[in-house]
Amino acid sequence: MKGTKSSSGINTSLLRKYMMGATDPGFSNKVSGYSVNAVDLHLEVSFTRQNRMDATAALLHQLDFAEKKIDEAVAAGKQEIRLILGLGKGTLRKELHKMLGKHPMVSSFDNDYHGQYGYGSTLVCLKW
């Protein structure tokens, strides 16, 4: 499995998957990375500038990024998209679920366990 190694030699990608609850993140039948319909909302992925932001700005950025990716998925004719949140305090998940409940192109969403992402993701089903 490919991944970035820290200065201490730790595979940070593998560590992230373990922390999100994946049972065997070292095993994957994918070549690399996330599936085509998965979007990582972690700030280091969705925010490319080097400057820091406060928690509120970070949350708003992640919600905007998620909405943009949902709109792109709808435009591409996809039936579903998985949003990768990670496991934290639950603030992003709570606010994201509020947004999804009001989004006109979301038919349903579920936060069930996923073998690769654990409980750190939400599956969003889109309207056709």
Protein backbone atom coordinates (compact mmCIF):
# COMPACT_ATOMS: atom_id res chain seq x y z
CA MET A 1 0.00 0.00 0.00
CA LYS A 2 1.35 3.40 -0.93
CA GLY A 3 1.40 6.12 1.65
CA THR A 4 3.41 9.03 2.90
CA LYS A 5 5.95 8.23 5.56
CA SER A 6 6.68 10.64 8.35
CA SER A 7 10.20 11.40 9.52
CA SER A 8 9.77 8.58 12.05
CA GLY A 9 8.96 6.10 9.26
CA ILE A 10 5.24 5.80 10.07
CA ASN A 11 2.91 5.32 7.10
CA THR A 12 0.50 8.21 7.77
CA SER A 13 -2.08 7.08 5.19
CA LEU A 14 -2.31 3.66 6.83
CA LEU A 15 -2.47 5.23 10.29
CA ARG A 16 -5.33 7.52 9.18
CA LYS A 17 -7.35 4.52 7.96
CA TYR A 18 -6.81 2.67 11.25
CA MET A 19 -7.92 5.76 13.18
CA MET A 20 -11.09 5.99 11.06
CA GLY A 21 -11.97 2.45 12.13
CA ALA A 22 -10.96 0.32 9.13
CA THR A 23 -10.37 -3.27 10.25
CA ASP A 24 -7.57 -4.04 7.78
CA PRO A 25 -6.52 -0.86 6.01
CA GLY A 26 -3.34 -2.52 4.73
CA PHE A 27 -5.42 -4.75 2.46
CA SER A 28 -6.93 -3.19 -0.60
CA ASN A 29 -7.98 -4.50 -3.99
CA LYS A 30 -7.73 -0.97 -5.36
CA VAL A 31 -4.59 0.23 -7.10
CA SER A 32 -4.27 3.28 -4.85
CA GLY A 33 -6.23 6.09 -3.26
CA TYR A 34 -9.96 6.40 -2.75
CA SER A 35 -12.69 5.03 -4.96
CA VAL A 36 -13.90 7.30 -7.76
CA ASN A 37 -17.03 8.31 -5.82
CA ALA A 38 -15.23 9.06 -2.53
CA VAL A 39 -14.34 12.61 -1.49
CA ASP A 40 -11.96 13.27 1.39
CA LEU A 41 -13.04 16.29 3.45
CA HIS A 42 -9.89 16.42 5.59
CA LEU A 43 -8.47 19.94 5.43
CA GLU A 44 -5.05 18.88 4.18
CA VAL A 45 -6.79 17.39 1.14
CA SER A 46 -9.49 19.98 0.47
CA PHE A 47 -7.54 23.12 1.42
CA THR A 48 -4.34 23.69 -0.50
CA ARG A 49 -3.16 27.04 0.92
CA GLN A 50 -0.54 26.98 3.65
CA ASN A 51 -2.19 29.52 5.97
CA ARG A 52 -4.06 28.42 9.07
CA MET A 53 -7.73 29.06 9.76
CA ASP A 54 -9.89 28.99 12.85
CA ALA A 55 -12.31 26.14 13.55
CA THR A 56 -15.38 27.97 12.21
CA ALA A 57 -13.68 28.91 8.95
CA ALA A 58 -12.39 25.35 8.59
CA LEU A 59 -15.88 23.91 9.10
CA LEU A 60 -17.41 26.32 6.57
CA HIS A 61 -14.67 25.45 4.06
CA GLN A 62 -15.31 21.72 4.47
CA LEU A 63 -19.08 22.16 4.07
CA ASP A 64 -18.60 24.31 0.94
CA PHE A 65 -16.16 21.75 -0.47
CA ALA A 66 -18.64 18.91 0.21
CA GLU A 67 -21.49 20.82 -1.47
CA LYS A 68 -19.31 21.53 -4.51
CA LYS A 69 -18.40 17.83 -4.82
CA ILE A 70 -22.06 16.82 -4.48
CA ASP A 71 -23.00 19.26 -7.25
CA GLU A 72 -20.19 17.87 -9.44
CA ALA A 73 -21.41 14.31 -8.81
CA VAL A 74 -24.98 15.28 -9.76
CA ALA A 75 -23.72 16.98 -12.94
CA ALA A 76 -21.72 13.83 -13.79
CA GLY A 77 -24.86 11.68 -13.38
CA LYS A 78 -23.60 9.71 -10.37
CA GLN A 79 -26.09 7.97 -8.13
CA GLU A 80 -24.05 8.23 -4.94
CA ILE A 81 -20.97 9.78 -3.42
CA ARG A 82 -19.10 8.89 -0.22
CA LEU A 83 -17.85 11.78 1.90
CA ILE A 84 -14.86 10.88 4.08
CA LEU A 85 -14.93 12.80 7.35
CA GLY A 86 -12.77 10.85 9.75
CA LEU A 87 -13.52 10.38 13.41
CA GLY A 88 -13.33 13.49 15.56
CA LYS A 89 -15.64 15.36 17.86
CA GLY A 90 -18.56 14.95 15.44
CA THR A 91 -19.01 18.63 14.61
CA LEU A 92 -18.39 18.21 10.88
CA ARG A 93 -20.66 15.14 10.70
CA LYS A 94 -23.47 16.95 12.55
CA GLU A 95 -23.32 20.04 10.33
CA LEU A 96 -22.85 18.00 7.16
CA HIS A 97 -25.92 15.91 7.96
CA LYS A 98 -27.93 19.11 8.51
CA MET A 99 -26.80 20.36 5.09
CA LEU A 100 -27.53 17.01 3.42
CA GLY A 101 -31.02 16.95 4.90
CA LYS A 102 -31.79 20.25 3.17
CA HIS A 103 -29.93 19.66 -0.11
CA PRO A 104 -32.44 19.43 -3.01
CA MET A 105 -30.45 16.75 -4.87
CA VAL A 106 -29.87 14.40 -1.91
CA SER A 107 -32.42 11.61 -1.61
CA SER A 108 -30.84 10.02 1.49
CA PHE A 109 -27.59 9.62 3.42
CA ASP A 110 -26.24 7.01 5.79
CA ASN A 111 -23.35 6.83 8.20
CA ASP A 112 -23.04 3.03 8.39
CA TYR A 113 -19.75 1.15 8.69
CA HIS A 114 -17.57 0.92 5.56
CA GLY A 115 -14.71 -1.61 5.33
CA GLN A 116 -12.17 0.92 4.07
CA TYR A 117 -13.25 4.07 5.94
CA GLY A 118 -14.81 2.65 9.10
CA TYR A 119 -17.42 4.92 10.65
CA GLY A 120 -15.57 7.97 9.37
CA SER A 121 -17.62 8.44 6.21
CA THR A 122 -21.14 9.18 5.01
CA LEU A 123 -22.73 7.62 1.93
CA VAL A 124 -24.89 10.16 0.08
CA CYS A 125 -27.54 8.91 -2.39
CA LEU A 126 -28.40 11.43 -5.07
CA LYS A 127 -31.71 12.12 -6.79
CA TRP A 128 -32.08 11.38 -10.46
